[in-house]
Amino acid sequence: MPIFLVIWVGIGYALFREAKRFAQQNGQFPWGLPPVFWGIVGVVGGLIGALFMLIAEKTTKKQVANNVVWSAAPYADPRYAPPPQQWSPPAPVPGPTGQWGPPPAPAAPPPPQWSPPVAPGAPAPSGQSAPSAPPAPNVGGSEFLPKR
């Protein structure tokens, strides 16, 4: 009987040390429980307590790894931050010179491609003759576009 007690106390001490080591490496105890709890679990439960400790470490490691990826940057104490500076607009950039200068302005606007219709009774523009009357209506509806 005393040999089992020594083994269980040894397991409890090992779990206690392992919980402290885990907290130092990962910043959190397994399942958030302190090392004293894990020592008591080791003394009372023996190898079953060690199995629970192993499961707790694995799940807590995954949780800590997930929290590290999505966590915000640590808070910086404002006493150690540099004083804020007054904002000013950026300095103007000197204009480009040489071949990288601005494009030249267009010489003249292009000639018009379309002109509005001529008002009735006004002379037709040069080169065109104004129709004397509108086209005849398509009474039968056999043609989509009227003939000229």
N, C-alpha and C. Protein backbone atom coordinates (compact mmCIF):
# COMPACT_ATOMS: atom_id res chain seq x y z
N MET A 1 0.81 -1.20 0.00
CA MET A 1 0.00 0.00 0.00
C MET A 1 0.85 1.26 0.00
N PRO A 2 1.94 1.33 0.80
CA PRO A 2 2.74 2.55 0.80
C PRO A 2 3.40 2.81 -0.56
N ILE A 3 3.69 1.77 -1.33
CA ILE A 3 4.32 2.00 -2.63
C ILE A 3 3.35 2.70 -3.58
N PHE A 4 2.04 2.33 -3.52
CA PHE A 4 1.05 3.01 -4.36
C PHE A 4 0.89 4.47 -3.94
N LEU A 5 0.97 4.71 -2.65
CA LEU A 5 0.85 6.09 -2.16
C LEU A 5 2.02 6.93 -2.67
N VAL A 6 3.22 6.37 -2.67
CA VAL A 6 4.40 7.09 -3.15
C VAL A 6 4.26 7.36 -4.66
N ILE A 7 3.76 6.37 -5.40
CA ILE A 7 3.58 6.54 -6.84
C ILE A 7 2.54 7.62 -7.11
N TRP A 8 1.42 7.60 -6.37
CA TRP A 8 0.38 8.60 -6.61
C TRP A 8 0.84 10.01 -6.23
N VAL A 9 1.58 10.11 -5.15
CA VAL A 9 2.12 11.43 -4.78
C VAL A 9 3.12 11.89 -5.83
N GLY A 10 3.90 10.96 -6.37
CA GLY A 10 4.84 11.31 -7.45
C GLY A 10 4.11 11.78 -8.70
N ILE A 11 3.01 11.10 -9.02
CA ILE A 11 2.21 11.53 -10.18
C ILE A 11 1.61 12.91 -9.92
N GLY A 12 1.13 13.15 -8.71
CA GLY A 12 0.57 14.45 -8.36
C GLY A 12 1.60 15.56 -8.48
N TYR A 13 2.81 15.28 -7.99
CA TYR A 13 3.89 16.27 -8.08
C TYR A 13 4.25 16.53 -9.56
N ALA A 14 4.28 15.46 -10.36
CA ALA A 14 4.61 15.62 -11.78
C ALA A 14 3.54 16.45 -12.49
N LEU A 15 2.27 16.22 -12.16
CA LEU A 15 1.20 17.00 -12.78
C LEU A 15 1.26 18.46 -12.34
N PHE A 16 1.60 18.68 -11.06
CA PHE A 16 1.76 20.05 -10.55
C PHE A 16 2.84 20.78 -11.34
N ARG A 17 4.00 20.14 -11.52
CA ARG A 17 5.11 20.76 -12.25
C ARG A 17 4.76 20.98 -13.72
N GLU A 18 4.09 20.01 -14.30
CA GLU A 18 3.71 20.11 -15.71
C GLU A 18 2.72 21.26 -15.93
N ALA A 19 1.79 21.45 -15.01
CA ALA A 19 0.84 22.56 -15.13
C ALA A 19 1.56 23.91 -15.04
N LYS A 20 2.56 24.02 -14.16
CA LYS A 20 3.32 25.26 -14.06
C LYS A 20 4.14 25.51 -15.33
N ARG A 21 4.76 24.45 -15.85
CA ARG A 21 5.55 24.58 -17.07
C ARG A 21 4.66 24.97 -18.25
N PHE A 22 3.51 24.36 -18.34
CA PHE A 22 2.57 24.67 -19.43
C PHE A 22 2.13 26.13 -19.36
N ALA A 23 1.87 26.63 -18.16
CA ALA A 23 1.44 28.02 -18.01
C ALA A 23 2.56 28.99 -18.38
N GLN A 24 3.81 28.62 -18.08
CA GLN A 24 4.92 29.49 -18.46
C GLN A 24 5.12 29.53 -19.96
N GLN A 25 4.90 28.42 -20.64
CA GLN A 25 5.11 28.38 -22.08
C GLN A 25 3.94 28.99 -22.86
N ASN A 26 2.72 28.78 -22.38
CA ASN A 26 1.54 29.18 -23.15
C ASN A 26 0.77 30.35 -22.57
N GLY A 27 1.11 30.78 -21.37
CA GLY A 27 0.44 31.92 -20.77
C GLY A 27 -0.92 31.60 -20.18
N GLN A 28 -1.26 30.34 -20.08
CA GLN A 28 -2.57 29.95 -19.54
C GLN A 28 -2.44 28.53 -18.97
N PHE A 29 -3.13 28.28 -17.84
CA PHE A 29 -3.13 26.95 -17.27
C PHE A 29 -4.00 26.01 -18.11
N PRO A 30 -3.72 24.69 -18.04
CA PRO A 30 -4.60 23.76 -18.75
C PRO A 30 -6.03 23.88 -18.22
N TRP A 31 -6.95 24.13 -19.14
CA TRP A 31 -8.37 24.34 -18.83
C TRP A 31 -8.57 25.48 -17.84
N GLY A 32 -7.59 26.33 -17.66
CA GLY A 32 -7.69 27.46 -16.75
C GLY A 32 -7.63 27.08 -15.28
N LEU A 33 -7.24 25.84 -14.97
CA LEU A 33 -7.19 25.37 -13.58
C LEU A 33 -5.77 25.48 -13.05
N PRO A 34 -5.58 25.89 -11.80
CA PRO A 34 -4.24 26.13 -11.26
C PRO A 34 -3.47 24.82 -11.05
N PRO A 35 -2.14 24.92 -10.89
CA PRO A 35 -1.32 23.73 -10.71
C PRO A 35 -1.67 22.93 -9.46
N VAL A 36 -2.13 23.60 -8.40
CA VAL A 36 -2.48 22.88 -7.18
C VAL A 36 -3.63 21.90 -7.47
N PHE A 37 -4.59 22.33 -8.26
CA PHE A 37 -5.69 21.44 -8.63
C PHE A 37 -5.16 20.21 -9.36
N TRP A 38 -4.24 20.42 -10.30
CA TRP A 38 -3.71 19.29 -11.07
C TRP A 38 -2.88 18.37 -10.18
N GLY A 39 -2.21 18.93 -9.18
CA GLY A 39 -1.48 18.08 -8.22
C GLY A 39 -2.44 17.20 -7.44
N ILE A 40 -3.55 17.77 -6.99
CA ILE A 40 -4.55 16.99 -6.24
C ILE A 40 -5.17 15.93 -7.15
N VAL A 41 -5.45 16.28 -8.41
CA VAL A 41 -6.00 15.30 -9.35
C VAL A 41 -5.02 14.15 -9.54
N GLY A 42 -3.73 14.46 -9.60
CA GLY A 42 -2.71 13.41 -9.76
C GLY A 42 -2.64 12.49 -8.55
N VAL A 43 -2.74 13.07 -7.33
CA VAL A 43 -2.68 12.24 -6.12
C VAL A 43 -3.93 11.38 -6.01
N VAL A 44 -5.10 11.95 -6.30
CA VAL A 44 -6.35 11.20 -6.14
C VAL A 44 -6.57 10.25 -7.31
N GLY A 45 -6.31 10.71 -8.52
CA GLY A 45 -6.66 9.92 -9.69
C GLY A 45 -5.54 9.10 -10.29
N GLY A 46 -4.31 9.43 -9.98
CA GLY A 46 -3.18 8.67 -10.52
C GLY A 46 -3.07 8.85 -12.03
N LEU A 47 -3.00 7.71 -12.75
CA LEU A 47 -2.81 7.75 -14.19
C LEU A 47 -4.04 8.30 -14.92
N ILE A 48 -5.21 8.12 -14.35
CA ILE A 48 -6.41 8.71 -14.97
C ILE A 48 -6.32 10.24 -14.89
N GLY A 49 -5.82 10.77 -13.78
CA GLY A 49 -5.60 12.21 -13.67
C GLY A 49 -4.57 12.70 -14.68
N ALA A 50 -3.53 11.88 -14.92
CA ALA A 50 -2.52 12.25 -15.92
C ALA A 50 -3.14 12.26 -17.31
N LEU A 51 -4.06 11.33 -17.58
CA LEU A 51 -4.74 11.32 -18.87
C LEU A 51 -5.60 12.58 -19.04
N PHE A 52 -6.29 12.99 -17.98
CA PHE A 52 -7.07 14.23 -18.04
C PHE A 52 -6.16 15.44 -18.28
N MET A 53 -4.99 15.42 -17.65
CA MET A 53 -4.03 16.52 -17.83
C MET A 53 -3.57 16.58 -19.29
N LEU A 54 -3.33 15.44 -19.89
CA LEU A 54 -2.90 15.39 -21.28
C LEU A 54 -4.00 15.95 -22.20
N ILE A 55 -5.23 15.55 -21.97
CA ILE A 55 -6.36 16.06 -22.77
C ILE A 55 -6.51 17.57 -22.57
N ALA A 56 -6.38 18.02 -21.32
CA ALA A 56 -6.52 19.45 -21.03
C ALA A 56 -5.43 20.26 -21.73
N GLU A 57 -4.20 19.74 -21.75
CA GLU A 57 -3.12 20.47 -22.42
C GLU A 57 -3.37 20.55 -23.93
N LYS A 58 -3.80 19.48 -24.53
CA LYS A 58 -4.04 19.48 -25.98
C LYS A 58 -5.14 20.47 -26.36
N THR A 59 -6.25 20.43 -25.64
CA THR A 59 -7.36 21.33 -25.99
C THR A 59 -7.02 22.79 -25.68
N THR A 60 -6.28 23.02 -24.61
CA THR A 60 -5.92 24.40 -24.27
C THR A 60 -4.89 24.94 -25.25
N LYS A 61 -3.99 24.10 -25.75
CA LYS A 61 -3.02 24.54 -26.75
C LYS A 61 -3.73 24.99 -28.02
N LYS A 62 -4.73 24.22 -28.44
CA LYS A 62 -5.50 24.61 -29.63
C LYS A 62 -6.22 25.93 -29.40
N GLN A 63 -6.79 26.09 -28.21
CA GLN A 63 -7.52 27.32 -27.90
C GLN A 63 -6.56 28.51 -27.86
N VAL A 64 -5.39 28.34 -27.25
CA VAL A 64 -4.41 29.43 -27.18
C VAL A 64 -3.92 29.78 -28.58
N ALA A 65 -3.68 28.76 -29.42
CA ALA A 65 -3.22 29.02 -30.79
C ALA A 65 -4.28 29.78 -31.57
N ASN A 66 -5.54 29.42 -31.41
CA ASN A 66 -6.61 30.14 -32.11
C ASN A 66 -6.75 31.56 -31.60
N ASN A 67 -6.57 31.78 -30.31
CA ASN A 67 -6.69 33.13 -29.75
C ASN A 67 -5.53 34.01 -30.18
N VAL A 68 -4.36 33.45 -30.35
CA VAL A 68 -3.20 34.25 -30.74
C VAL A 68 -3.39 34.76 -32.15
N VAL A 69 -3.92 33.94 -33.05
CA VAL A 69 -4.08 34.36 -34.44
C VAL A 69 -5.07 35.51 -34.54
N TRP A 70 -6.16 35.45 -33.78
CA TRP A 70 -7.22 36.43 -33.92
C TRP A 70 -7.17 37.53 -32.86
N SER A 71 -6.18 37.53 -32.01
CA SER A 71 -6.16 38.54 -30.95
C SER A 71 -5.62 39.86 -31.48
N ALA A 72 -5.97 40.90 -30.78
CA ALA A 72 -5.49 42.23 -31.16
C ALA A 72 -4.08 42.43 -30.62
N ALA A 73 -3.45 43.48 -31.09
CA ALA A 73 -2.11 43.79 -30.62
C ALA A 73 -2.16 44.15 -29.14
N PRO A 74 -1.12 43.84 -28.40
CA PRO A 74 -1.15 44.16 -26.97
C PRO A 74 -1.25 45.67 -26.75
N TYR A 75 -1.88 46.04 -25.68
CA TYR A 75 -2.10 47.45 -25.34
C TYR A 75 -0.78 48.07 -24.90
N ALA A 76 -0.45 49.20 -25.47
CA ALA A 76 0.77 49.91 -25.10
C ALA A 76 0.42 50.99 -24.08
N ASP A 77 1.23 51.10 -23.06
CA ASP A 77 1.01 52.10 -22.03
C ASP A 77 1.26 53.48 -22.63
N PRO A 78 0.29 54.39 -22.54
CA PRO A 78 0.46 55.71 -23.18
C PRO A 78 1.59 56.53 -22.57
N ARG A 79 2.04 56.17 -21.38
CA ARG A 79 3.15 56.93 -20.79
C ARG A 79 4.44 56.73 -21.58
N TYR A 80 4.55 55.62 -22.30
CA TYR A 80 5.78 55.33 -23.03
C TYR A 80 5.64 55.61 -24.52
N ALA A 81 4.51 56.08 -24.94
CA ALA A 81 4.29 56.38 -26.35
C ALA A 81 4.85 57.77 -26.67
N PRO A 82 5.30 57.99 -27.89
CA PRO A 82 5.77 59.33 -28.25
C PRO A 82 4.59 60.30 -28.27
N PRO A 83 4.84 61.57 -28.01
CA PRO A 83 3.74 62.54 -28.01
C PRO A 83 3.17 62.69 -29.42
N PRO A 84 1.87 62.95 -29.53
CA PRO A 84 1.28 63.10 -30.86
C PRO A 84 1.79 64.38 -31.52
N GLN A 85 1.94 64.32 -32.83
CA GLN A 85 2.42 65.47 -33.58
C GLN A 85 1.25 66.13 -34.30
N GLN A 86 1.40 67.42 -34.54
CA GLN A 86 0.37 68.15 -35.27
C GLN A 86 0.36 67.69 -36.72
N TRP A 87 -0.81 67.43 -37.27
CA TRP A 87 -0.90 66.98 -38.65
C TRP A 87 -0.71 68.15 -39.59
N SER A 88 0.02 67.91 -40.65
CA SER A 88 0.17 68.92 -41.69
C SER A 88 0.08 68.21 -43.03
N PRO A 89 -0.42 68.90 -44.06
CA PRO A 89 -0.52 68.25 -45.36
C PRO A 89 0.87 67.94 -45.91
N PRO A 90 0.98 66.96 -46.78
CA PRO A 90 2.28 66.62 -47.32
C PRO A 90 2.82 67.75 -48.18
N ALA A 91 4.13 67.81 -48.28
CA ALA A 91 4.77 68.85 -49.08
C ALA A 91 4.44 68.63 -50.55
N PRO A 92 4.26 69.72 -51.32
CA PRO A 92 3.94 69.54 -52.74
C PRO A 92 5.11 68.90 -53.47
N VAL A 93 4.76 68.07 -54.41
CA VAL A 93 5.76 67.39 -55.22
C VAL A 93 6.09 68.27 -56.41
N PRO A 94 7.36 68.47 -56.71
CA PRO A 94 7.68 69.31 -57.87
C PRO A 94 7.17 68.66 -59.14
N GLY A 95 6.75 69.50 -60.09
CA GLY A 95 6.18 69.00 -61.35
C GLY A 95 7.20 68.23 -62.17
N PRO A 96 6.73 67.35 -63.02
CA PRO A 96 7.65 66.58 -63.85
C PRO A 96 8.30 67.46 -64.91
N THR A 97 9.48 67.09 -65.27
CA THR A 97 10.21 67.84 -66.29
C THR A 97 10.65 66.90 -67.39
N GLY A 98 11.06 67.47 -68.52
CA GLY A 98 11.57 66.67 -69.63
C GLY A 98 10.45 65.88 -70.29
N GLN A 99 10.75 64.67 -70.66
CA GLN A 99 9.78 63.86 -71.39
C GLN A 99 8.59 63.48 -70.56
N TRP A 100 8.65 63.62 -69.25
CA TRP A 100 7.54 63.20 -68.39
C TRP A 100 6.62 64.36 -68.05
N GLY A 101 6.69 65.44 -68.79
CA GLY A 101 5.83 66.58 -68.54
C GLY A 101 4.37 66.30 -68.88
N PRO A 102 3.49 67.25 -68.60
CA PRO A 102 2.07 67.04 -68.90
C PRO A 102 1.85 66.99 -70.41
N PRO A 103 0.81 66.31 -70.87
CA PRO A 103 0.58 66.23 -72.32
C PRO A 103 0.20 67.59 -72.89
N PRO A 104 0.52 67.82 -74.16
CA PRO A 104 0.19 69.12 -74.75
C PRO A 104 -1.33 69.27 -74.90
N ALA A 105 -1.77 70.51 -74.86
CA ALA A 105 -3.21 70.79 -75.00
C ALA A 105 -3.62 70.55 -76.45
N PRO A 106 -4.85 70.09 -76.70
CA PRO A 106 -5.28 69.87 -78.10
C PRO A 106 -5.32 71.19 -78.86
N ALA A 107 -4.95 71.11 -80.15
CA ALA A 107 -4.85 72.32 -80.98
C ALA A 107 -6.23 72.92 -81.25
N ALA A 108 -7.16 72.13 -81.70
CA ALA A 108 -8.50 72.62 -82.01
C ALA A 108 -9.48 71.48 -81.79
N PRO A 109 -10.73 71.80 -81.50
CA PRO A 109 -11.69 70.71 -81.32
C PRO A 109 -11.96 70.03 -82.66
N PRO A 110 -12.29 68.76 -82.66
CA PRO A 110 -12.55 68.06 -83.92
C PRO A 110 -13.81 68.61 -84.58
N PRO A 111 -13.92 68.44 -85.88
CA PRO A 111 -15.11 68.96 -86.58
C PRO A 111 -16.35 68.19 -86.14
N PRO A 112 -17.51 68.83 -86.18
CA PRO A 112 -18.73 68.14 -85.74
C PRO A 112 -19.10 67.03 -86.71
N GLN A 113 -19.61 65.94 -86.18
CA GLN A 113 -19.99 64.78 -86.98
C GLN A 113 -21.49 64.78 -87.27
N TRP A 114 -22.25 65.49 -86.52
CA TRP A 114 -23.70 65.47 -86.64
C TRP A 114 -24.21 66.88 -86.49
N SER A 115 -25.21 67.20 -87.23
CA SER A 115 -25.81 68.51 -87.10
C SER A 115 -27.31 68.32 -86.86
N PRO A 116 -27.94 69.22 -86.15
CA PRO A 116 -29.37 69.06 -85.86
C PRO A 116 -30.20 69.21 -87.14
N PRO A 117 -31.43 68.65 -87.13
CA PRO A 117 -32.27 68.77 -88.33
C PRO A 117 -32.62 70.23 -88.63
N VAL A 118 -32.90 70.45 -89.87
CA VAL A 118 -33.20 71.81 -90.33
C VAL A 118 -34.65 72.13 -90.02
N ALA A 119 -34.88 73.32 -89.52
CA ALA A 119 -36.25 73.75 -89.22
C ALA A 119 -37.03 73.95 -90.52
N PRO A 120 -38.35 73.72 -90.53
CA PRO A 120 -39.14 73.91 -91.76
C PRO A 120 -39.04 75.34 -92.26
N GLY A 121 -38.84 75.47 -93.57
CA GLY A 121 -38.75 76.79 -94.19
C GLY A 121 -37.35 77.35 -94.17
N ALA A 122 -36.41 76.75 -93.44
CA ALA A 122 -35.03 77.24 -93.41
C ALA A 122 -34.25 76.60 -94.54
N PRO A 123 -33.23 77.26 -95.02
CA PRO A 123 -32.45 76.66 -96.11
C PRO A 123 -31.68 75.44 -95.62
N ALA A 124 -31.50 74.46 -96.46
CA ALA A 124 -30.79 73.23 -96.13
C ALA A 124 -29.30 73.51 -96.02
N PRO A 125 -28.59 72.76 -95.20
CA PRO A 125 -27.14 72.95 -95.12
C PRO A 125 -26.49 72.63 -96.47
N SER A 126 -25.29 73.09 -96.62
CA SER A 126 -24.61 72.90 -97.91
C SER A 126 -24.42 71.42 -98.20
N GLY A 127 -24.70 71.04 -99.47
CA GLY A 127 -24.52 69.66 -99.90
C GLY A 127 -25.73 68.79 -99.65
N GLN A 128 -26.78 69.26 -99.03
CA GLN A 128 -27.95 68.45 -98.76
C GLN A 128 -29.19 69.18 -99.28
N SER A 129 -30.20 68.41 -99.63
CA SER A 129 -31.46 69.03 -100.02
C SER A 129 -32.52 68.62 -99.02
N ALA A 130 -33.34 69.54 -98.63
CA ALA A 130 -34.37 69.27 -97.64
C ALA A 130 -35.53 68.54 -98.31
N PRO A 131 -36.13 67.54 -97.65
CA PRO A 131 -37.27 66.86 -98.25
C PRO A 131 -38.45 67.82 -98.35
N SER A 132 -39.25 67.66 -99.41
CA SER A 132 -40.38 68.54 -99.61
C SER A 132 -41.56 68.18 -98.70
N ALA A 133 -41.69 66.91 -98.38
CA ALA A 133 -42.80 66.47 -97.52
C ALA A 133 -42.37 65.22 -96.77
N PRO A 134 -43.04 64.90 -95.70
CA PRO A 134 -42.68 63.68 -94.99
C PRO A 134 -43.03 62.45 -95.82
N PRO A 135 -42.43 61.30 -95.54
CA PRO A 135 -42.72 60.10 -96.33
C PRO A 135 -44.16 59.66 -96.12
N ALA A 136 -44.66 58.91 -97.09
CA ALA A 136 -46.05 58.44 -97.04
C ALA A 136 -46.19 57.40 -95.93
N PRO A 137 -47.34 57.37 -95.23
CA PRO A 137 -47.51 56.39 -94.17
C PRO A 137 -47.62 54.97 -94.71
N ASN A 138 -47.22 54.00 -93.91
CA ASN A 138 -47.29 52.59 -94.26
C ASN A 138 -48.65 52.07 -93.82
N VAL A 139 -49.65 52.20 -94.69
CA VAL A 139 -51.02 51.89 -94.32
C VAL A 139 -51.23 50.39 -94.17
N GLY A 140 -50.71 49.60 -95.07
CA GLY A 140 -50.92 48.15 -95.02
C GLY A 140 -50.11 47.49 -93.93
N GLY A 141 -49.05 48.08 -93.53
CA GLY A 141 -48.22 47.51 -92.48
C GLY A 141 -47.34 46.39 -92.96
N SER A 142 -47.14 46.27 -94.32
CA SER A 142 -46.33 45.18 -94.84
C SER A 142 -44.84 45.48 -94.74
N GLU A 143 -44.49 46.73 -94.63
CA GLU A 143 -43.07 47.10 -94.56
C GLU A 143 -42.81 47.76 -93.22
N PHE A 144 -41.68 47.41 -92.67
CA PHE A 144 -41.32 48.00 -91.40
C PHE A 144 -40.78 49.41 -91.58
N LEU A 145 -39.92 49.58 -92.55
CA LEU A 145 -39.35 50.89 -92.84
C LEU A 145 -39.99 51.44 -94.11
N PRO A 146 -40.39 52.67 -94.12
CA PRO A 146 -40.99 53.22 -95.35
C PRO A 146 -39.95 53.39 -96.44
N LYS A 147 -40.43 53.30 -97.71
CA LYS A 147 -39.53 53.49 -98.86
C LYS A 147 -39.31 54.96 -99.10
N ARG A 148 -38.19 55.31 -99.66
CA ARG A 148 -37.90 56.69 -100.02
C ARG A 148 -38.17 56.92 -101.45
